[in-house]
Amino acid sequence: MMYSASSDKTQAVLISRRQDAVNWDQHAILLEGRKIHLQESVNILGVEFDSGLTYTSHVRKVAKDAAWKLSCIRRVAHLLDAQGVDTLYKSQVRSLMNLAPRMVLLLPVIPPPP
C-alpha cells in the first residue's frame, strides 16, 4: 500500500504544556520531501485543537457564529410568526450549540423535553 500526503491538506502541531514551546514560524517537518509547517492549532473534522489539546478557540468560534445567527433572526423576527422564529432558532442557533459540545466530548445526544 502506497501512502501519499497532500501538503496542502496535511497539518502538524507540536503538543506541549509549555507556553513558549516553539516558535511556530521557524519549525517544519519534512514529509516525502515536502515541508509541513507547524501550526498553533489544527482542524480535525471541523473541531479546532491547539497545542495544549484544548478546543477553546473552537468553542469561541461556535459561540460567535451562534450569536451572529441569533442577531440575524432578531432582525427579521418582526416579519415572522412565533413558529417561524422558533423554527429558525432551532435550525440555525440551537443546532450549533447542541452539536458542538457533544461532538467534542462524544456524549450521547439527549432529546429535548416535549
PDB file of N, CA and C in Angstrom:
ATOM      1  N   MET A   1       0.845  -1.179   0.000  1.00  0.00           N
ATOM      2  CA  MET A   1       0.000   0.000   0.000  1.00  0.00           C
ATOM      3  C   MET A   1       0.890   1.241   0.000  1.00  0.00           C
ATOM      4  N   MET A   2       0.640   2.129  -0.916  1.00  0.00           N
ATOM      5  CA  MET A   2       1.445   3.344  -1.023  1.00  0.00           C
ATOM      6  C   MET A   2       0.736   4.492  -0.332  1.00  0.00           C
ATOM      7  N   TYR A   3       1.505   5.246   0.426  1.00  0.00           N
ATOM      8  CA  TYR A   3       0.976   6.410   1.130  1.00  0.00           C
ATOM      9  C   TYR A   3       1.466   7.665   0.441  1.00  0.00           C
ATOM     10  N   SER A   4       0.568   8.570   0.156  1.00  0.00           N
ATOM     11  CA  SER A   4       0.979   9.868  -0.369  1.00  0.00           C
ATOM     12  C   SER A   4       0.247  10.947   0.416  1.00  0.00           C
ATOM     13  N   ALA A   5       0.987  11.936   0.830  1.00  0.00           N
ATOM     14  CA  ALA A   5       0.425  13.024   1.629  1.00  0.00           C
ATOM     15  C   ALA A   5       0.233  14.248   0.756  1.00  0.00           C
ATOM     16  N   SER A   6      -0.876  14.893   0.956  1.00  0.00           N
ATOM     17  CA  SER A   6      -1.137  16.146   0.274  1.00  0.00           C
ATOM     18  C   SER A   6      -0.634  17.271   1.162  1.00  0.00           C
ATOM     19  N   SER A   7       0.354  18.003   0.692  1.00  0.00           N
ATOM     20  CA  SER A   7       0.967  19.033   1.538  1.00  0.00           C
ATOM     21  C   SER A   7       0.012  20.171   1.860  1.00  0.00           C
ATOM     22  N   ASP A   8      -0.988  20.394   1.025  1.00  0.00           N
ATOM     23  CA  ASP A   8      -1.933  21.461   1.326  1.00  0.00           C
ATOM     24  C   ASP A   8      -3.009  21.024   2.319  1.00  0.00           C
ATOM     25  N   LYS A   9      -3.172  19.728   2.536  1.00  0.00           N
ATOM     26  CA  LYS A   9      -4.160  19.237   3.489  1.00  0.00           C
ATOM     27  C   LYS A   9      -3.545  18.737   4.794  1.00  0.00           C
ATOM     28  N   THR A  10      -2.254  18.461   4.783  1.00  0.00           N
ATOM     29  CA  THR A  10      -1.587  17.920   5.962  1.00  0.00           C
ATOM     30  C   THR A  10      -1.292  19.032   6.955  1.00  0.00           C
ATOM     31  N   GLN A  11      -1.604  18.763   8.228  1.00  0.00           N
ATOM     32  CA  GLN A  11      -1.384  19.736   9.284  1.00  0.00           C
ATOM     33  C   GLN A  11      -0.495  19.114  10.354  1.00  0.00           C
ATOM     34  N   ALA A  12       0.303  19.952  11.007  1.00  0.00           N
ATOM     35  CA  ALA A  12       1.166  19.472  12.085  1.00  0.00           C
ATOM     36  C   ALA A  12       1.108  20.466  13.245  1.00  0.00           C
ATOM     37  N   VAL A  13       1.070  19.921  14.442  1.00  0.00           N
ATOM     38  CA  VAL A  13       1.077  20.750  15.643  1.00  0.00           C
ATOM     39  C   VAL A  13       1.965  20.068  16.671  1.00  0.00           C
ATOM     40  N   LEU A  14       2.713  20.852  17.409  1.00  0.00           N
ATOM     41  CA  LEU A  14       3.535  20.328  18.495  1.00  0.00           C
ATOM     42  C   LEU A  14       2.708  20.413  19.768  1.00  0.00           C
ATOM     43  N   ILE A  15       2.466  19.280  20.386  1.00  0.00           N
ATOM     44  CA  ILE A  15       1.648  19.238  21.602  1.00  0.00           C
ATOM     45  C   ILE A  15       2.574  19.374  22.799  1.00  0.00           C
ATOM     46  N   SER A  16       2.319  20.413  23.596  1.00  0.00           N
ATOM     47  CA  SER A  16       3.186  20.697  24.722  1.00  0.00           C
ATOM     48  C   SER A  16       2.415  21.455  25.789  1.00  0.00           C
ATOM     49  N   ARG A  17       2.848  21.317  27.044  1.00  0.00           N
ATOM     50  CA  ARG A  17       2.259  22.084  28.140  1.00  0.00           C
ATOM     51  C   ARG A  17       2.943  23.430  28.316  1.00  0.00           C
ATOM     52  N   ARG A  18       4.121  23.570  27.746  1.00  0.00           N
ATOM     53  CA  ARG A  18       4.879  24.806  27.885  1.00  0.00           C
ATOM     54  C   ARG A  18       4.254  25.914  27.052  1.00  0.00           C
ATOM     55  N   GLN A  19       4.213  27.117  27.602  1.00  0.00           N
ATOM     56  CA  GLN A  19       3.665  28.260  26.885  1.00  0.00           C
ATOM     57  C   GLN A  19       4.592  28.706  25.755  1.00  0.00           C
ATOM     58  N   ASP A  20       5.903  28.602  25.979  1.00  0.00           N
ATOM     59  CA  ASP A  20       6.879  29.052  24.995  1.00  0.00           C
ATOM     60  C   ASP A  20       7.541  27.869  24.294  1.00  0.00           C
ATOM     61  N   ALA A  21       6.762  26.852  23.969  1.00  0.00           N
ATOM     62  CA  ALA A  21       7.312  25.594  23.465  1.00  0.00           C
ATOM     63  C   ALA A  21       8.067  25.752  22.155  1.00  0.00           C
ATOM     64  N   VAL A  22       7.566  26.551  21.257  1.00  0.00           N
ATOM     65  CA  VAL A  22       8.182  26.607  19.936  1.00  0.00           C
ATOM     66  C   VAL A  22       7.836  27.926  19.261  1.00  0.00           C
ATOM     67  N   ASN A  23       8.733  28.372  18.397  1.00  0.00           N
ATOM     68  CA  ASN A  23       8.425  29.491  17.526  1.00  0.00           C
ATOM     69  C   ASN A  23       7.808  28.877  16.274  1.00  0.00           C
ATOM     70  N   TRP A  24       6.523  28.996  16.100  1.00  0.00           N
ATOM     71  CA  TRP A  24       5.772  28.250  15.085  1.00  0.00           C
ATOM     72  C   TRP A  24       6.273  28.501  13.671  1.00  0.00           C
ATOM     73  N   ASP A  25       6.712  29.695  13.381  1.00  0.00           N
ATOM     74  CA  ASP A  25       7.095  30.038  12.011  1.00  0.00           C
ATOM     75  C   ASP A  25       8.419  29.423  11.578  1.00  0.00           C
ATOM     76  N   GLN A  26       9.278  29.056  12.520  1.00  0.00           N
ATOM     77  CA  GLN A  26      10.622  28.621  12.165  1.00  0.00           C
ATOM     78  C   GLN A  26      10.789  27.100  12.113  1.00  0.00           C
ATOM     79  N   HIS A  27       9.794  26.340  12.479  1.00  0.00           N
ATOM     80  CA  HIS A  27       9.930  24.885  12.505  1.00  0.00           C
ATOM     81  C   HIS A  27       9.032  24.240  11.447  1.00  0.00           C
ATOM     82  N   ALA A  28       9.518  23.131  10.916  1.00  0.00           N
ATOM     83  CA  ALA A  28       8.761  22.392   9.918  1.00  0.00           C
ATOM     84  C   ALA A  28       9.144  20.919   9.992  1.00  0.00           C
ATOM     85  N   ILE A  29       8.275  20.083   9.468  1.00  0.00           N
ATOM     86  CA  ILE A  29       8.506  18.643   9.383  1.00  0.00           C
ATOM     87  C   ILE A  29       8.616  18.303   7.903  1.00  0.00           C
ATOM     88  N   LEU A  30       9.587  17.478   7.550  1.00  0.00           N
ATOM     89  CA  LEU A  30       9.707  17.037   6.167  1.00  0.00           C
ATOM     90  C   LEU A  30       8.946  15.734   5.990  1.00  0.00           C
ATOM     91  N   LEU A  31       8.038  15.701   5.049  1.00  0.00           N
ATOM     92  CA  LEU A  31       7.244  14.523   4.751  1.00  0.00           C
ATOM     93  C   LEU A  31       7.281  14.327   3.243  1.00  0.00           C
ATOM     94  N   GLU A  32       7.942  13.264   2.813  1.00  0.00           N
ATOM     95  CA  GLU A  32       8.126  12.975   1.397  1.00  0.00           C
ATOM     96  C   GLU A  32       8.780  14.158   0.677  1.00  0.00           C
ATOM     97  N   GLY A  33       9.723  14.801   1.357  1.00  0.00           N
ATOM     98  CA  GLY A  33      10.443  15.906   0.751  1.00  0.00           C
ATOM     99  C   GLY A  33       9.703  17.230   0.764  1.00  0.00           C
ATOM    100  N   ARG A  34       8.513  17.247   1.332  1.00  0.00           N
ATOM    101  CA  ARG A  34       7.729  18.480   1.405  1.00  0.00           C
ATOM    102  C   ARG A  34       7.736  19.004   2.830  1.00  0.00           C
ATOM    103  N   LYS A  35       7.817  20.311   2.962  1.00  0.00           N
ATOM    104  CA  LYS A  35       7.804  20.921   4.282  1.00  0.00           C
ATOM    105  C   LYS A  35       6.375  21.072   4.775  1.00  0.00           C
ATOM    106  N   ILE A  36       6.129  20.567   5.980  1.00  0.00           N
ATOM    107  CA  ILE A  36       4.848  20.761   6.662  1.00  0.00           C
ATOM    108  C   ILE A  36       5.154  21.666   7.850  1.00  0.00           C
ATOM    109  N   HIS A  37       4.695  22.892   7.799  1.00  0.00           N
ATOM    110  CA  HIS A  37       4.992  23.855   8.852  1.00  0.00           C
ATOM    111  C   HIS A  37       4.120  23.597  10.076  1.00  0.00           C
ATOM    112  N   LEU A  38       4.717  23.755  11.245  1.00  0.00           N
ATOM    113  CA  LEU A  38       3.965  23.613  12.487  1.00  0.00           C
ATOM    114  C   LEU A  38       2.977  24.763  12.623  1.00  0.00           C
ATOM    115  N   GLN A  39       1.816  24.441  13.149  1.00  0.00           N
ATOM    116  CA  GLN A  39       0.771  25.438  13.357  1.00  0.00           C
ATOM    117  C   GLN A  39       0.437  25.513  14.837  1.00  0.00           C
ATOM    118  N   GLU A  40      -0.159  26.609  15.242  1.00  0.00           N
ATOM    119  CA  GLU A  40      -0.579  26.748  16.633  1.00  0.00           C
ATOM    120  C   GLU A  40      -1.794  25.880  16.917  1.00  0.00           C
ATOM    121  N   SER A  41      -2.591  25.609  15.880  1.00  0.00           N
ATOM    122  CA  SER A  41      -3.772  24.765  16.055  1.00  0.00           C
ATOM    123  C   SER A  41      -4.039  24.012  14.759  1.00  0.00           C
ATOM    124  N   VAL A  42      -4.776  22.903  14.878  1.00  0.00           N
ATOM    125  CA  VAL A  42      -5.161  22.107  13.713  1.00  0.00           C
ATOM    126  C   VAL A  42      -6.664  21.880  13.753  1.00  0.00           C
ATOM    127  N   ASN A  43      -7.230  21.705  12.585  1.00  0.00           N
ATOM    128  CA  ASN A  43      -8.653  21.462  12.462  1.00  0.00           C
ATOM    129  C   ASN A  43      -8.856  19.995  12.098  1.00  0.00           C
ATOM    130  N   ILE A  44      -9.510  19.244  12.990  1.00  0.00           N
ATOM    131  CA  ILE A  44      -9.759  17.821  12.768  1.00  0.00           C
ATOM    132  C   ILE A  44     -11.262  17.598  12.746  1.00  0.00           C
ATOM    133  N   LEU A  45     -11.779  17.250  11.581  1.00  0.00           N
ATOM    134  CA  LEU A  45     -13.207  17.011  11.391  1.00  0.00           C
ATOM    135  C   LEU A  45     -14.058  18.173  11.887  1.00  0.00           C
ATOM    136  N   GLY A  46     -13.602  19.385  11.616  1.00  0.00           N
ATOM    137  CA  GLY A  46     -14.374  20.564  11.975  1.00  0.00           C
ATOM    138  C   GLY A  46     -14.166  21.074  13.385  1.00  0.00           C
ATOM    139  N   VAL A  47     -13.336  20.400  14.170  1.00  0.00           N
ATOM    140  CA  VAL A  47     -13.050  20.834  15.534  1.00  0.00           C
ATOM    141  C   VAL A  47     -11.611  21.307  15.583  1.00  0.00           C
ATOM    142  N   GLU A  48     -11.407  22.530  16.081  1.00  0.00           N
ATOM    143  CA  GLU A  48     -10.067  23.100  16.132  1.00  0.00           C
ATOM    144  C   GLU A  48      -9.426  22.821  17.488  1.00  0.00           C
ATOM    145  N   PHE A  49      -8.254  22.178  17.457  1.00  0.00           N
ATOM    146  CA  PHE A  49      -7.476  21.870  18.663  1.00  0.00           C
ATOM    147  C   PHE A  49      -6.193  22.668  18.627  1.00  0.00           C
ATOM    148  N   ASP A  50      -5.748  23.154  19.795  1.00  0.00           N
ATOM    149  CA  ASP A  50      -4.488  23.880  19.846  1.00  0.00           C
ATOM    150  C   ASP A  50      -3.391  22.975  20.398  1.00  0.00           C
ATOM    151  N   SER A  51      -2.209  23.535  20.594  1.00  0.00           N
ATOM    152  CA  SER A  51      -1.063  22.736  21.014  1.00  0.00           C
ATOM    153  C   SER A  51      -1.201  22.190  22.434  1.00  0.00           C
ATOM    154  N   GLY A  52      -2.107  22.712  23.216  1.00  0.00           N
ATOM    155  CA  GLY A  52      -2.364  22.187  24.554  1.00  0.00           C
ATOM    156  C   GLY A  52      -3.512  21.191  24.574  1.00  0.00           C
ATOM    157  N   LEU A  53      -3.966  20.783  23.391  1.00  0.00           N
ATOM    158  CA  LEU A  53      -5.106  19.865  23.206  1.00  0.00           C
ATOM    159  C   LEU A  53      -6.388  20.404  23.837  1.00  0.00           C
ATOM    160  N   THR A  54      -6.574  21.714  23.766  1.00  0.00           N
ATOM    161  CA  THR A  54      -7.844  22.304  24.179  1.00  0.00           C
ATOM    162  C   THR A  54      -8.586  22.738  22.928  1.00  0.00           C
ATOM    163  N   TYR A  55      -9.840  22.939  23.040  1.00  0.00           N
ATOM    164  CA  TYR A  55     -10.630  23.393  21.906  1.00  0.00           C
ATOM    165  C   TYR A  55     -11.321  24.715  22.239  1.00  0.00           C
ATOM    166  N   THR A  56     -10.627  25.558  23.001  1.00  0.00           N
ATOM    167  CA  THR A  56     -11.157  26.860  23.389  1.00  0.00           C
ATOM    168  C   THR A  56     -11.468  27.725  22.170  1.00  0.00           C
ATOM    169  N   SER A  57     -10.568  27.775  21.207  1.00  0.00           N
ATOM    170  CA  SER A  57     -10.812  28.590  20.012  1.00  0.00           C
ATOM    171  C   SER A  57     -12.013  28.065  19.234  1.00  0.00           C
ATOM    172  N   HIS A  58     -12.219  26.753  19.237  1.00  0.00           N
ATOM    173  CA  HIS A  58     -13.379  26.178  18.557  1.00  0.00           C
ATOM    174  C   HIS A  58     -14.675  26.616  19.238  1.00  0.00           C
ATOM    175  N   VAL A  59     -14.695  26.560  20.568  1.00  0.00           N
ATOM    176  CA  VAL A  59     -15.889  26.959  21.313  1.00  0.00           C
ATOM    177  C   VAL A  59     -16.179  28.437  21.090  1.00  0.00           C
ATOM    178  N   ARG A  60     -15.131  29.259  21.064  1.00  0.00           N
ATOM    179  CA  ARG A  60     -15.310  30.698  20.796  1.00  0.00           C
ATOM    180  C   ARG A  60     -15.913  30.918  19.418  1.00  0.00           C
ATOM    181  N   LYS A  61     -15.440  30.169  18.427  1.00  0.00           N
ATOM    182  CA  LYS A  61     -15.955  30.325  17.067  1.00  0.00           C
ATOM    183  C   LYS A  61     -17.422  29.903  16.994  1.00  0.00           C
ATOM    184  N   VAL A  62     -17.766  28.799  17.624  1.00  0.00           N
ATOM    185  CA  VAL A  62     -19.163  28.343  17.616  1.00  0.00           C
ATOM    186  C   VAL A  62     -20.059  29.374  18.297  1.00  0.00           C
ATOM    187  N   ALA A  63     -19.609  29.914  19.431  1.00  0.00           N
ATOM    188  CA  ALA A  63     -20.392  30.931  20.144  1.00  0.00           C
ATOM    189  C   ALA A  63     -20.562  32.187  19.287  1.00  0.00           C
ATOM    190  N   LYS A  64     -19.500  32.592  18.599  1.00  0.00           N
ATOM    191  CA  LYS A  64     -19.572  33.772  17.740  1.00  0.00           C
ATOM    192  C   LYS A  64     -20.543  33.543  16.587  1.00  0.00           C
ATOM    193  N   ASP A  65     -20.466  32.368  15.961  1.00  0.00           N
ATOM    194  CA  ASP A  65     -21.368  32.044  14.857  1.00  0.00           C
ATOM    195  C   ASP A  65     -22.822  32.006  15.329  1.00  0.00           C
ATOM    196  N   ALA A  66     -23.055  31.416  16.496  1.00  0.00           N
ATOM    197  CA  ALA A  66     -24.413  31.336  17.034  1.00  0.00           C
ATOM    198  C   ALA A  66     -24.945  32.729  17.368  1.00  0.00           C
ATOM    199  N   ALA A  67     -24.112  33.582  17.948  1.00  0.00           N
ATOM    200  CA  ALA A  67     -24.541  34.950  18.279  1.00  0.00           C
ATOM    201  C   ALA A  67     -24.876  35.733  17.013  1.00  0.00           C
ATOM    202  N   TRP A  68     -24.068  35.558  15.967  1.00  0.00           N
ATOM    203  CA  TRP A  68     -24.341  36.250  14.711  1.00  0.00           C
ATOM    204  C   TRP A  68     -25.665  35.789  14.108  1.00  0.00           C
ATOM    205  N   LYS A  69     -25.891  34.484  14.106  1.00  0.00           N
ATOM    206  CA  LYS A  69     -27.144  33.960  13.560  1.00  0.00           C
ATOM    207  C   LYS A  69     -28.336  34.413  14.383  1.00  0.00           C
ATOM    208  N   LEU A  70     -28.179  34.459  15.692  1.00  0.00           N
ATOM    209  CA  LEU A  70     -29.257  34.930  16.554  1.00  0.00           C
ATOM    210  C   LEU A  70     -29.573  36.395  16.276  1.00  0.00           C
ATOM    211  N   SER A  71     -28.546  37.218  16.053  1.00  0.00           N
ATOM    212  CA  SER A  71     -28.802  38.629  15.744  1.00  0.00           C
ATOM    213  C   SER A  71     -29.534  38.782  14.409  1.00  0.00           C
ATOM    214  N   CYS A  72     -29.226  37.927  13.458  1.00  0.00           N
ATOM    215  CA  CYS A  72     -29.946  37.953  12.180  1.00  0.00           C
ATOM    216  C   CYS A  72     -31.417  37.585  12.372  1.00  0.00           C
ATOM    217  N   ILE A  73     -31.664  36.590  13.199  1.00  0.00           N
ATOM    218  CA  ILE A  73     -33.045  36.176  13.463  1.00  0.00           C
ATOM    219  C   ILE A  73     -33.805  37.309  14.160  1.00  0.00           C
ATOM    220  N   ARG A  74     -33.152  37.987  15.088  1.00  0.00           N
ATOM    221  CA  ARG A  74     -33.799  39.099  15.798  1.00  0.00           C
ATOM    222  C   ARG A  74     -34.181  40.215  14.825  1.00  0.00           C
ATOM    223  N   ARG A  75     -33.358  40.435  13.792  1.00  0.00           N
ATOM    224  CA  ARG A  75     -33.648  41.496  12.817  1.00  0.00           C
ATOM    225  C   ARG A  75     -34.854  41.189  11.944  1.00  0.00           C
ATOM    226  N   VAL A  76     -35.120  39.904  11.691  1.00  0.00           N
ATOM    227  CA  VAL A  76     -36.259  39.548  10.834  1.00  0.00           C
ATOM    228  C   VAL A  76     -37.441  38.997  11.623  1.00  0.00           C
ATOM    229  N   ALA A  77     -37.323  38.950  12.934  1.00  0.00           N
ATOM    230  CA  ALA A  77     -38.379  38.347  13.763  1.00  0.00           C
ATOM    231  C   ALA A  77     -39.728  39.035  13.581  1.00  0.00           C
ATOM    232  N   HIS A  78     -39.718  40.350  13.356  1.00  0.00           N
ATOM    233  CA  HIS A  78     -40.994  41.077  13.198  1.00  0.00           C
ATOM    234  C   HIS A  78     -41.729  40.688  11.916  1.00  0.00           C
ATOM    235  N   LEU A  79     -41.037  40.030  10.991  1.00  0.00           N
ATOM    236  CA  LEU A  79     -41.653  39.585   9.743  1.00  0.00           C
ATOM    237  C   LEU A  79     -42.236  38.182   9.841  1.00  0.00           C
ATOM    238  N   LEU A  80     -41.957  37.475  10.930  1.00  0.00           N
ATOM    239  CA  LEU A  80     -42.375  36.077  11.076  1.00  0.00           C
ATOM    240  C   LEU A  80     -43.329  35.909  12.237  1.00  0.00           C
ATOM    241  N   ASP A  81     -44.078  34.809  12.196  1.00  0.00           N
ATOM    242  CA  ASP A  81     -44.894  34.472  13.366  1.00  0.00           C
ATOM    243  C   ASP A  81     -44.024  33.708  14.363  1.00  0.00           C
ATOM    244  N   ALA A  82     -44.570  33.362  15.512  1.00  0.00           N
ATOM    245  CA  ALA A  82     -43.801  32.696  16.571  1.00  0.00           C
ATOM    246  C   ALA A  82     -43.222  31.368  16.100  1.00  0.00           C
ATOM    247  N   GLN A  83     -43.979  30.625  15.322  1.00  0.00           N
ATOM    248  CA  GLN A  83     -43.493  29.334  14.843  1.00  0.00           C
ATOM    249  C   GLN A  83     -42.324  29.515  13.873  1.00  0.00           C
ATOM    250  N   GLY A  84     -42.358  30.539  13.039  1.00  0.00           N
ATOM    251  CA  GLY A  84     -41.268  30.804  12.112  1.00  0.00           C
ATOM    252  C   GLY A  84     -39.983  31.174  12.844  1.00  0.00           C
ATOM    253  N   VAL A  85     -40.107  32.012  13.879  1.00  0.00           N
ATOM    254  CA  VAL A  85     -38.935  32.390  14.672  1.00  0.00           C
ATOM    255  C   VAL A  85     -38.376  31.163  15.385  1.00  0.00           C
ATOM    256  N   ASP A  86     -39.265  30.346  15.941  1.00  0.00           N
ATOM    257  CA  ASP A  86     -38.839  29.132  16.639  1.00  0.00           C
ATOM    258  C   ASP A  86     -38.128  28.170  15.690  1.00  0.00           C
ATOM    259  N   THR A  87     -38.646  28.018  14.491  1.00  0.00           N
ATOM    260  CA  THR A  87     -38.027  27.129  13.504  1.00  0.00           C
ATOM    261  C   THR A  87     -36.633  27.626  13.109  1.00  0.00           C
ATOM    262  N   LEU A  88     -36.509  28.928  12.857  1.00  0.00           N
ATOM    263  CA  LEU A  88     -35.196  29.488  12.529  1.00  0.00           C
ATOM    264  C   LEU A  88     -34.218  29.315  13.682  1.00  0.00           C
ATOM    265  N   TYR A  89     -34.680  29.586  14.897  1.00  0.00           N
ATOM    266  CA  TYR A  89     -33.811  29.454  16.066  1.00  0.00           C
ATOM    267  C   TYR A  89     -33.314  28.016  16.213  1.00  0.00           C
ATOM    268  N   LYS A  90     -34.226  27.065  16.126  1.00  0.00           N
ATOM    269  CA  LYS A  90     -33.841  25.656  16.305  1.00  0.00           C
ATOM    270  C   LYS A  90     -32.909  25.179  15.203  1.00  0.00           C
ATOM    271  N   SER A  91     -33.139  25.614  13.971  1.00  0.00           N
ATOM    272  CA  SER A  91     -32.314  25.120  12.861  1.00  0.00           C
ATOM    273  C   SER A  91     -30.964  25.822  12.757  1.00  0.00           C
ATOM    274  N   GLN A  92     -30.890  27.085  13.142  1.00  0.00           N
ATOM    275  CA  GLN A  92     -29.660  27.839  12.949  1.00  0.00           C
ATOM    276  C   GLN A  92     -28.818  27.991  14.211  1.00  0.00           C
ATOM    277  N   VAL A  93     -29.444  28.340  15.319  1.00  0.00           N
ATOM    278  CA  VAL A  93     -28.691  28.643  16.541  1.00  0.00           C
ATOM    279  C   VAL A  93     -28.567  27.418  17.438  1.00  0.00           C
ATOM    280  N   ARG A  94     -29.685  26.841  17.782  1.00  0.00           N
ATOM    281  CA  ARG A  94     -29.672  25.717  18.723  1.00  0.00           C
ATOM    282  C   ARG A  94     -28.923  24.511  18.162  1.00  0.00           C
ATOM    283  N   SER A  95     -29.008  24.301  16.860  1.00  0.00           N
ATOM    284  CA  SER A  95     -28.293  23.164  16.268  1.00  0.00           C
ATOM    285  C   SER A  95     -26.789  23.332  16.431  1.00  0.00           C
ATOM    286  N   LEU A  96     -26.280  24.553  16.299  1.00  0.00           N
ATOM    287  CA  LEU A  96     -24.848  24.797  16.527  1.00  0.00           C
ATOM    288  C   LEU A  96     -24.466  24.530  17.974  1.00  0.00           C
ATOM    289  N   MET A  97     -25.256  25.066  18.892  1.00  0.00           N
ATOM    290  CA  MET A  97     -24.930  24.957  20.313  1.00  0.00           C
ATOM    291  C   MET A  97     -25.092  23.524  20.823  1.00  0.00           C
ATOM    292  N   ASN A  98     -26.020  22.784  20.267  1.00  0.00           N
ATOM    293  CA  ASN A  98     -26.226  21.395  20.708  1.00  0.00           C
ATOM    294  C   ASN A  98     -25.182  20.451  20.146  1.00  0.00           C
ATOM    295  N   LEU A  99     -24.783  20.649  18.896  1.00  0.00           N
ATOM    296  CA  LEU A  99     -23.876  19.715  18.240  1.00  0.00           C
ATOM    297  C   LEU A  99     -22.433  19.880  18.701  1.00  0.00           C
ATOM    298  N   ALA A 100     -21.978  21.099  18.860  1.00  0.00           N
ATOM    299  CA  ALA A 100     -20.562  21.346  19.142  1.00  0.00           C
ATOM    300  C   ALA A 100     -20.039  20.636  20.387  1.00  0.00           C
ATOM    301  N   PRO A 101     -20.646  20.787  21.570  1.00  0.00           N
ATOM    302  CA  PRO A 101     -20.079  20.130  22.752  1.00  0.00           C
ATOM    303  C   PRO A 101     -20.171  18.611  22.676  1.00  0.00           C
ATOM    304  N   ARG A 102     -21.254  18.097  22.153  1.00  0.00           N
ATOM    305  CA  ARG A 102     -21.404  16.638  22.089  1.00  0.00           C
ATOM    306  C   ARG A 102     -20.428  16.024  21.108  1.00  0.00           C
ATOM    307  N   MET A 103     -20.160  16.733  20.029  1.00  0.00           N
ATOM    308  CA  MET A 103     -19.222  16.225  19.038  1.00  0.00           C
ATOM    309  C   MET A 103     -17.830  16.112  19.652  1.00  0.00           C
ATOM    310  N   VAL A 104     -17.442  17.093  20.439  1.00  0.00           N
ATOM    311  CA  VAL A 104     -16.108  17.091  21.028  1.00  0.00           C
ATOM    312  C   VAL A 104     -16.016  16.104  22.179  1.00  0.00           C
ATOM    313  N   LEU A 105     -17.009  16.080  23.023  1.00  0.00           N
ATOM    314  CA  LEU A 105     -16.969  15.238  24.217  1.00  0.00           C
ATOM    315  C   LEU A 105     -17.503  13.829  23.988  1.00  0.00           C
ATOM    316  N   LEU A 106     -18.084  13.605  22.812  1.00  0.00           N
ATOM    317  CA  LEU A 106     -18.641  12.292  22.445  1.00  0.00           C
ATOM    318  C   LEU A 106     -19.709  11.825  23.429  1.00  0.00           C
ATOM    319  N   LEU A 107     -20.541  12.759  23.885  1.00  0.00           N
ATOM    320  CA  LEU A 107     -21.647  12.424  24.775  1.00  0.00           C
ATOM    321  C   LEU A 107     -22.844  12.011  23.944  1.00  0.00           C
ATOM    322  N   PRO A 108     -23.719  11.195  24.513  1.00  0.00           N
ATOM    323  CA  PRO A 108     -24.904  10.819  23.757  1.00  0.00           C
ATOM    324  C   PRO A 108     -25.828  12.029  23.585  1.00  0.00           C
ATOM    325  N   VAL A 109     -26.547  12.049  22.478  1.00  0.00           N
ATOM    326  CA  VAL A 109     -27.491  13.128  22.228  1.00  0.00           C
ATOM    327  C   VAL A 109     -28.753  12.847  23.033  1.00  0.00           C
ATOM    328  N   ILE A 110     -29.134  13.791  23.879  1.00  0.00           N
ATOM    329  CA  ILE A 110     -30.329  13.664  24.693  1.00  0.00           C
ATOM    330  C   ILE A 110     -31.407  14.536  24.060  1.00  0.00           C
ATOM    331  N   PRO A 111     -32.544  13.957  23.682  1.00  0.00           N
ATOM    332  CA  PRO A 111     -33.576  14.758  23.031  1.00  0.00           C
ATOM    333  C   PRO A 111     -34.145  15.800  24.002  1.00  0.00           C
ATOM    334  N   PRO A 112     -34.541  16.976  23.475  1.00  0.00           N
ATOM    335  CA  PRO A 112     -35.118  17.996  24.350  1.00  0.00           C
ATOM    336  C   PRO A 112     -36.463  17.533  24.892  1.00  0.00           C
ATOM    337  N   PRO A 113     -36.871  18.058  26.048  1.00  0.00           N
ATOM    338  CA  PRO A 113     -38.169  17.672  26.596  1.00  0.00           C
ATOM    339  C   PRO A 113     -39.290  18.161  25.694  1.00  0.00           C
ATOM    340  N   PRO A 114     -40.412  17.450  25.683  1.00  0.00           N
ATOM    341  CA  PRO A 114     -41.529  17.837  24.788  1.00  0.00           C
ATOM    342  C   PRO A 114     -42.170  19.141  25.194  1.00  0.00           C
TER     343      PRO A 114
END
